[in-house]
PDB file of N, CA and C in Angstrom:
ATOM      1  N   MET A   1      81.957 -89.593-103.162  1.00  0.00           N
ATOM      2  CA  MET A   1      81.989 -91.006-102.953  1.00  0.00           C
ATOM      3  C   MET A   1      80.584 -91.591-103.023  1.00  0.00           C
ATOM      4  N   VAL A   2      79.651 -90.986-102.349  1.00  0.00           N
ATOM      5  CA  VAL A   2      78.280 -91.493-102.348  1.00  0.00           C
ATOM      6  C   VAL A   2      77.700 -91.435-103.753  1.00  0.00           C
ATOM      7  N   TRP A   3      78.005 -90.356-104.474  1.00  0.00           N
ATOM      8  CA  TRP A   3      77.512 -90.225-105.844  1.00  0.00           C
ATOM      9  C   TRP A   3      78.021 -91.380-106.700  1.00  0.00           C
ATOM     10  N   GLY A   4      79.290 -91.718-106.573  1.00  0.00           N
ATOM     11  CA  GLY A   4      79.854 -92.828-107.333  1.00  0.00           C
ATOM     12  C   GLY A   4      79.277 -94.166-106.905  1.00  0.00           C
ATOM     13  N   ASN A   5      79.048 -94.338-105.613  1.00  0.00           N
ATOM     14  CA  ASN A   5      78.516 -95.602-105.102  1.00  0.00           C
ATOM     15  C   ASN A   5      77.114 -95.898-105.609  1.00  0.00           C
ATOM     16  N   HIS A   6      76.339 -94.886-105.926  1.00  0.00           N
ATOM     17  CA  HIS A   6      74.959 -95.158-106.334  1.00  0.00           C
ATOM     18  C   HIS A   6      74.902 -95.953-107.629  1.00  0.00           C
ATOM     19  N   ARG A   7      76.003 -95.997-108.353  1.00  0.00           N
ATOM     20  CA  ARG A   7      76.064 -96.767-109.592  1.00  0.00           C
ATOM     21  C   ARG A   7      76.416 -98.235-109.349  1.00  0.00           C
ATOM     22  N   LEU A   8      76.812 -98.562-108.148  1.00  0.00           N
ATOM     23  CA  LEU A   8      77.265 -99.921-107.832  1.00  0.00           C
ATOM     24  C   LEU A   8      76.209-100.707-107.065  1.00  0.00           C
ATOM     25  N   ALA A   9      76.293-102.011-107.187  1.00  0.00           N
ATOM     26  CA  ALA A   9      75.470-102.874-106.338  1.00  0.00           C
ATOM     27  C   ALA A   9      76.001-102.741-104.910  1.00  0.00           C
ATOM     28  N   PRO A  10      75.149-102.834-103.896  1.00  0.00           N
ATOM     29  CA  PRO A  10      75.618-102.689-102.514  1.00  0.00           C
ATOM     30  C   PRO A  10      76.816-103.579-102.181  1.00  0.00           C
ATOM     31  N   ALA A  11      76.865-104.770-102.707  1.00  0.00           N
ATOM     32  CA  ALA A  11      77.967-105.693-102.414  1.00  0.00           C
ATOM     33  C   ALA A  11      79.277-105.279-103.084  1.00  0.00           C
ATOM     34  N   ASP A  12      79.228-104.363-104.046  1.00  0.00           N
ATOM     35  CA  ASP A  12      80.418-103.953-104.788  1.00  0.00           C
ATOM     36  C   ASP A  12      81.058-102.672-104.269  1.00  0.00           C
ATOM     37  N   ARG A  13      80.473-102.055-103.240  1.00  0.00           N
ATOM     38  CA  ARG A  13      81.010-100.801-102.705  1.00  0.00           C
ATOM     39  C   ARG A  13      82.127-101.093-101.713  1.00  0.00           C
ATOM     40  N   SER A  14      83.272-100.423-101.870  1.00  0.00           N
ATOM     41  CA  SER A  14      84.398-100.659-100.965  1.00  0.00           C
ATOM     42  C   SER A  14      84.377 -99.738 -99.750  1.00  0.00           C
ATOM     43  N   VAL A  15      83.724 -98.590 -99.850  1.00  0.00           N
ATOM     44  CA  VAL A  15      83.631 -97.632 -98.748  1.00  0.00           C
ATOM     45  C   VAL A  15      82.215 -97.070 -98.747  1.00  0.00           C
ATOM     46  N   ILE A  16      81.624 -96.943 -97.561  1.00  0.00           N
ATOM     47  CA  ILE A  16      80.297 -96.340 -97.445  1.00  0.00           C
ATOM     48  C   ILE A  16      80.330 -95.281 -96.354  1.00  0.00           C
ATOM     49  N   LEU A  17      79.365 -94.398 -96.342  1.00  0.00           N
ATOM     50  CA  LEU A  17      79.256 -93.327 -95.360  1.00  0.00           C
ATOM     51  C   LEU A  17      78.203 -93.735 -94.330  1.00  0.00           C
ATOM     52  N   VAL A  18      78.613 -93.777 -93.034  1.00  0.00           N
ATOM     53  CA  VAL A  18      77.700 -94.211 -91.979  1.00  0.00           C
ATOM     54  C   VAL A  18      77.720 -93.240 -90.814  1.00  0.00           C
ATOM     55  N   ASP A  19      76.664 -93.291 -90.021  1.00  0.00           N
ATOM     56  CA  ASP A  19      76.592 -92.546 -88.764  1.00  0.00           C
ATOM     57  C   ASP A  19      77.515 -93.261 -87.776  1.00  0.00           C
ATOM     58  N   SER A  20      78.461 -92.540 -87.171  1.00  0.00           N
ATOM     59  CA  SER A  20      79.451 -93.173 -86.293  1.00  0.00           C
ATOM     60  C   SER A  20      78.850 -93.741 -85.010  1.00  0.00           C
ATOM     61  N   GLU A  21      77.691 -93.237 -84.592  1.00  0.00           N
ATOM     62  CA  GLU A  21      77.065 -93.754 -83.371  1.00  0.00           C
ATOM     63  C   GLU A  21      76.232 -94.996 -83.625  1.00  0.00           C
ATOM     64  N   THR A  22      75.501 -95.016 -84.745  1.00  0.00           N
ATOM     65  CA  THR A  22      74.581 -96.121 -85.001  1.00  0.00           C
ATOM     66  C   THR A  22      75.109 -97.135 -86.006  1.00  0.00           C
ATOM     67  N   GLY A  23      76.061 -96.735 -86.829  1.00  0.00           N
ATOM     68  CA  GLY A  23      76.556 -97.614 -87.877  1.00  0.00           C
ATOM     69  C   GLY A  23      75.630 -97.709 -89.074  1.00  0.00           C
ATOM     70  N   VAL A  24      74.533 -96.955 -89.038  1.00  0.00           N
ATOM     71  CA  VAL A  24      73.554 -96.978 -90.121  1.00  0.00           C
ATOM     72  C   VAL A  24      74.063 -96.118 -91.274  1.00  0.00           C
ATOM     73  N   GLU A  25      73.948 -96.640 -92.485  1.00  0.00           N
ATOM     74  CA  GLU A  25      74.383 -95.890 -93.655  1.00  0.00           C
ATOM     75  C   GLU A  25      73.533 -94.627 -93.801  1.00  0.00           C
ATOM     76  N   VAL A  26      74.192 -93.521 -94.139  1.00  0.00           N
ATOM     77  CA  VAL A  26      73.482 -92.258 -94.316  1.00  0.00           C
ATOM     78  C   VAL A  26      73.291 -91.984 -95.807  1.00  0.00           C
ATOM     79  N   ASP A  27      72.302 -91.158 -96.109  1.00  0.00           N
ATOM     80  CA  ASP A  27      71.996 -90.774 -97.482  1.00  0.00           C
ATOM     81  C   ASP A  27      72.105 -89.255 -97.562  1.00  0.00           C
ATOM     82  N   PRO A  28      73.320 -88.720 -97.818  1.00  0.00           N
ATOM     83  CA  PRO A  28      73.503 -87.272 -97.794  1.00  0.00           C
ATOM     84  C   PRO A  28      72.846 -86.584 -98.980  1.00  0.00           C
ATOM     85  N   VAL A  29      72.557 -85.315 -98.788  1.00  0.00           N
ATOM     86  CA  VAL A  29      72.052 -84.472 -99.867  1.00  0.00           C
ATOM     87  C   VAL A  29      72.952 -83.244 -99.947  1.00  0.00           C
ATOM     88  N   VAL A  30      72.988 -82.633-101.108  1.00  0.00           N
ATOM     89  CA  VAL A  30      73.761 -81.412-101.302  1.00  0.00           C
ATOM     90  C   VAL A  30      72.770 -80.278-101.517  1.00  0.00           C
ATOM     91  N   VAL A  31      73.004 -79.183-100.809  1.00  0.00           N
ATOM     92  CA  VAL A  31      72.092 -78.045-100.904  1.00  0.00           C
ATOM     93  C   VAL A  31      72.851 -76.787-101.286  1.00  0.00           C
ATOM     94  N   ASP A  32      72.125 -75.837-101.834  1.00  0.00           N
ATOM     95  CA  ASP A  32      72.665 -74.528-102.147  1.00  0.00           C
ATOM     96  C   ASP A  32      72.836 -73.755-100.842  1.00  0.00           C
ATOM     97  N   ARG A  33      74.022 -73.274-100.588  1.00  0.00           N
ATOM     98  CA  ARG A  33      74.315 -72.571 -99.331  1.00  0.00           C
ATOM     99  C   ARG A  33      73.444 -71.332 -99.150  1.00  0.00           C
ATOM    100  N   ARG A  34      73.153 -70.614-100.242  1.00  0.00           N
ATOM    101  CA  ARG A  34      72.379 -69.375-100.126  1.00  0.00           C
ATOM    102  C   ARG A  34      70.916 -69.614 -99.820  1.00  0.00           C
ATOM    103  N   THR A  35      70.319 -70.625-100.455  1.00  0.00           N
ATOM    104  CA  THR A  35      68.878 -70.829-100.317  1.00  0.00           C
ATOM    105  C   THR A  35      68.495 -72.032 -99.462  1.00  0.00           C
ATOM    106  N   GLY A  36      69.420 -72.966 -99.277  1.00  0.00           N
ATOM    107  CA  GLY A  36      69.100 -74.187 -98.549  1.00  0.00           C
ATOM    108  C   GLY A  36      68.362 -75.214 -99.408  1.00  0.00           C
ATOM    109  N   ARG A  37      68.137 -74.902-100.682  1.00  0.00           N
ATOM    110  CA  ARG A  37      67.425 -75.820-101.581  1.00  0.00           C
ATOM    111  C   ARG A  37      68.344 -76.949-102.025  1.00  0.00           C
ATOM    112  N   ARG A  38      67.777 -78.146-102.170  1.00  0.00           N
ATOM    113  CA  ARG A  38      68.523 -79.287-102.696  1.00  0.00           C
ATOM    114  C   ARG A  38      68.933 -78.993-104.137  1.00  0.00           C
ATOM    115  N   ILE A  39      70.102 -79.490-104.529  1.00  0.00           N
ATOM    116  CA  ILE A  39      70.533 -79.251-105.906  1.00  0.00           C
ATOM    117  C   ILE A  39      70.422 -80.511-106.772  1.00  0.00           C
ATOM    118  N   ASP A  40      69.830 -81.560-106.254  1.00  0.00           N
ATOM    119  CA  ASP A  40      69.668 -82.788-107.043  1.00  0.00           C
ATOM    120  C   ASP A  40      68.268 -82.876-107.652  1.00  0.00           C
ATOM    121  N   THR A  41      67.758 -81.738-108.088  1.00  0.00           N
ATOM    122  CA  THR A  41      66.433 -81.690-108.694  1.00  0.00           C
ATOM    123  C   THR A  41      66.546 -81.238-110.146  1.00  0.00           C
ATOM    124  N   GLU A  42      65.457 -81.361-110.871  1.00  0.00           N
ATOM    125  CA  GLU A  42      65.449 -80.934-112.271  1.00  0.00           C
ATOM    126  C   GLU A  42      65.560 -79.421-112.417  1.00  0.00           C
ATOM    127  N   ASP A  43      65.345 -78.678-111.327  1.00  0.00           N
ATOM    128  CA  ASP A  43      65.420 -77.215-111.371  1.00  0.00           C
ATOM    129  C   ASP A  43      66.854 -76.697-111.400  1.00  0.00           C
ATOM    130  N   VAL A  44      67.825 -77.546-111.082  1.00  0.00           N
ATOM    131  CA  VAL A  44      69.225 -77.138-111.048  1.00  0.00           C
ATOM    132  C   VAL A  44      69.928 -77.773-112.246  1.00  0.00           C
ATOM    133  N   VAL A  45      70.489 -76.942-113.110  1.00  0.00           N
ATOM    134  CA  VAL A  45      71.097 -77.419-114.355  1.00  0.00           C
ATOM    135  C   VAL A  45      72.473 -76.780-114.548  1.00  0.00           C
ATOM    136  N   PHE A  46      73.267 -77.379-115.405  1.00  0.00           N
ATOM    137  CA  PHE A  46      74.536 -76.776-115.787  1.00  0.00           C
ATOM    138  C   PHE A  46      74.263 -75.674-116.801  1.00  0.00           C
ATOM    139  N   ALA A  47      75.000 -74.586-116.678  1.00  0.00           N
ATOM    140  CA  ALA A  47      74.911 -73.482-117.635  1.00  0.00           C
ATOM    141  C   ALA A  47      76.331 -73.000-117.898  1.00  0.00           C
ATOM    142  N   ARG A  48      76.528 -72.375-119.035  1.00  0.00           N
ATOM    143  CA  ARG A  48      77.878 -71.900-119.353  1.00  0.00           C
ATOM    144  C   ARG A  48      78.233 -70.701-118.489  1.00  0.00           C
ATOM    145  N   GLY A  49      79.492 -70.624-118.150  1.00  0.00           N
ATOM    146  CA  GLY A  49      79.994 -69.532-117.337  1.00  0.00           C
ATOM    147  C   GLY A  49      80.677 -68.479-118.178  1.00  0.00           C
ATOM    148  N   PRO A  50      81.192 -67.439-117.541  1.00  0.00           N
ATOM    149  CA  PRO A  50      81.800 -66.316-118.249  1.00  0.00           C
ATOM    150  C   PRO A  50      82.987 -66.715-119.132  1.00  0.00           C
ATOM    151  N   LYS A  51      83.721 -67.731-118.767  1.00  0.00           N
ATOM    152  CA  LYS A  51      84.899 -68.160-119.528  1.00  0.00           C
ATOM    153  C   LYS A  51      84.619 -69.408-120.347  1.00  0.00           C
ATOM    154  N   ALA A  52      83.383 -69.629-120.725  1.00  0.00           N
ATOM    155  CA  ALA A  52      83.005 -70.834-121.459  1.00  0.00           C
ATOM    156  C   ALA A  52      83.744 -70.926-122.792  1.00  0.00           C
ATOM    157  N   SER A  53      84.218 -72.146-123.088  1.00  0.00           N
ATOM    158  CA  SER A  53      84.863 -72.395-124.377  1.00  0.00           C
ATOM    159  C   SER A  53      83.786 -72.501-125.458  1.00  0.00           C
ATOM    160  N   LYS A  54      84.206 -72.573-126.712  1.00  0.00           N
ATOM    161  CA  LYS A  54      83.242 -72.740-127.798  1.00  0.00           C
ATOM    162  C   LYS A  54      82.436 -74.023-127.604  1.00  0.00           C
ATOM    163  N   MET A  55      83.092 -75.069-127.129  1.00  0.00           N
ATOM    164  CA  MET A  55      82.401 -76.331-126.888  1.00  0.00           C
ATOM    165  C   MET A  55      81.356 -76.174-125.775  1.00  0.00           C
ATOM    166  N   ASP A  56      81.708 -75.454-124.717  1.00  0.00           N
ATOM    167  CA  ASP A  56      80.753 -75.215-123.633  1.00  0.00           C
ATOM    168  C   ASP A  56      79.569 -74.379-124.109  1.00  0.00           C
ATOM    169  N   VAL A  57      79.844 -73.376-124.930  1.00  0.00           N
ATOM    170  CA  VAL A  57      78.774 -72.525-125.464  1.00  0.00           C
ATOM    171  C   VAL A  57      77.798 -73.361-126.284  1.00  0.00           C
ATOM    172  N   ALA A  58      78.340 -74.306-127.056  1.00  0.00           N
ATOM    173  CA  ALA A  58      77.479 -75.169-127.878  1.00  0.00           C
ATOM    174  C   ALA A  58      76.686 -76.154-127.023  1.00  0.00           C
ATOM    175  N   ARG A  59      77.248 -76.564-125.902  1.00  0.00           N
ATOM    176  CA  ARG A  59      76.637 -77.608-125.087  1.00  0.00           C
ATOM    177  C   ARG A  59      75.676 -77.080-124.031  1.00  0.00           C
ATOM    178  N   TYR A  60      75.993 -75.942-123.426  1.00  0.00           N
ATOM    179  CA  TYR A  60      75.215 -75.465-122.288  1.00  0.00           C
ATOM    180  C   TYR A  60      74.517 -74.146-122.603  1.00  0.00           C
ATOM    181  N   PRO A  61      73.301 -73.972-122.100  1.00  0.00           N
ATOM    182  CA  PRO A  61      72.587 -72.723-122.347  1.00  0.00           C
ATOM    183  C   PRO A  61      73.151 -71.585-121.503  1.00  0.00           C
ATOM    184  N   GLN A  62      72.866 -70.388-121.943  1.00  0.00           N
ATOM    185  CA  GLN A  62      73.167 -69.220-121.121  1.00  0.00           C
ATOM    186  C   GLN A  62      71.898 -68.908-120.354  1.00  0.00           C
ATOM    187  N   ILE A  63      71.984 -68.944-119.067  1.00  0.00           N
ATOM    188  CA  ILE A  63      70.805 -68.706-118.229  1.00  0.00           C
ATOM    189  C   ILE A  63      71.029 -67.398-117.474  1.00  0.00           C
ATOM    190  N   VAL A  64      70.122 -66.472-117.665  1.00  0.00           N
ATOM    191  CA  VAL A  64      70.224 -65.163-117.023  1.00  0.00           C
ATOM    192  C   VAL A  64      69.463 -65.224-115.713  1.00  0.00           C
ATOM    193  N   ALA A  65      70.097 -64.754-114.654  1.00  0.00           N
ATOM    194  CA  ALA A  65      69.475 -64.783-113.330  1.00  0.00           C
ATOM    195  C   ALA A  65      68.244 -63.888-113.299  1.00  0.00           C
ATOM    196  N   ARG A  66      67.182 -64.420-112.703  1.00  0.00           N
ATOM    197  CA  ARG A  66      65.966 -63.608-112.457  1.00  0.00           C
ATOM    198  C   ARG A  66      65.944 -63.223-111.002  1.00  0.00           C
ATOM    199  N   ARG A  67      65.608 -62.016-110.744  1.00  0.00           N
ATOM    200  CA  ARG A  67      65.582 -61.572-109.335  1.00  0.00           C
ATOM    201  C   ARG A  67      64.214 -61.159-108.938  1.00  0.00           C
TER     202      ARG A  67
END
């Protein structure tokens, strides 16, 4: 919901996410559960998965995990 709302003018949003005690709108972030790193950065990208279609293979890179 918040992701979709960022495309709208504040006056055009029908639902917003707020702190129930203060009523202040919150700005949530999404993080990787394993590392705690935010995923809304340029370091996090889409990559093709094991069952990628031909279209996915053409569109997304294959990224090999580095350990």
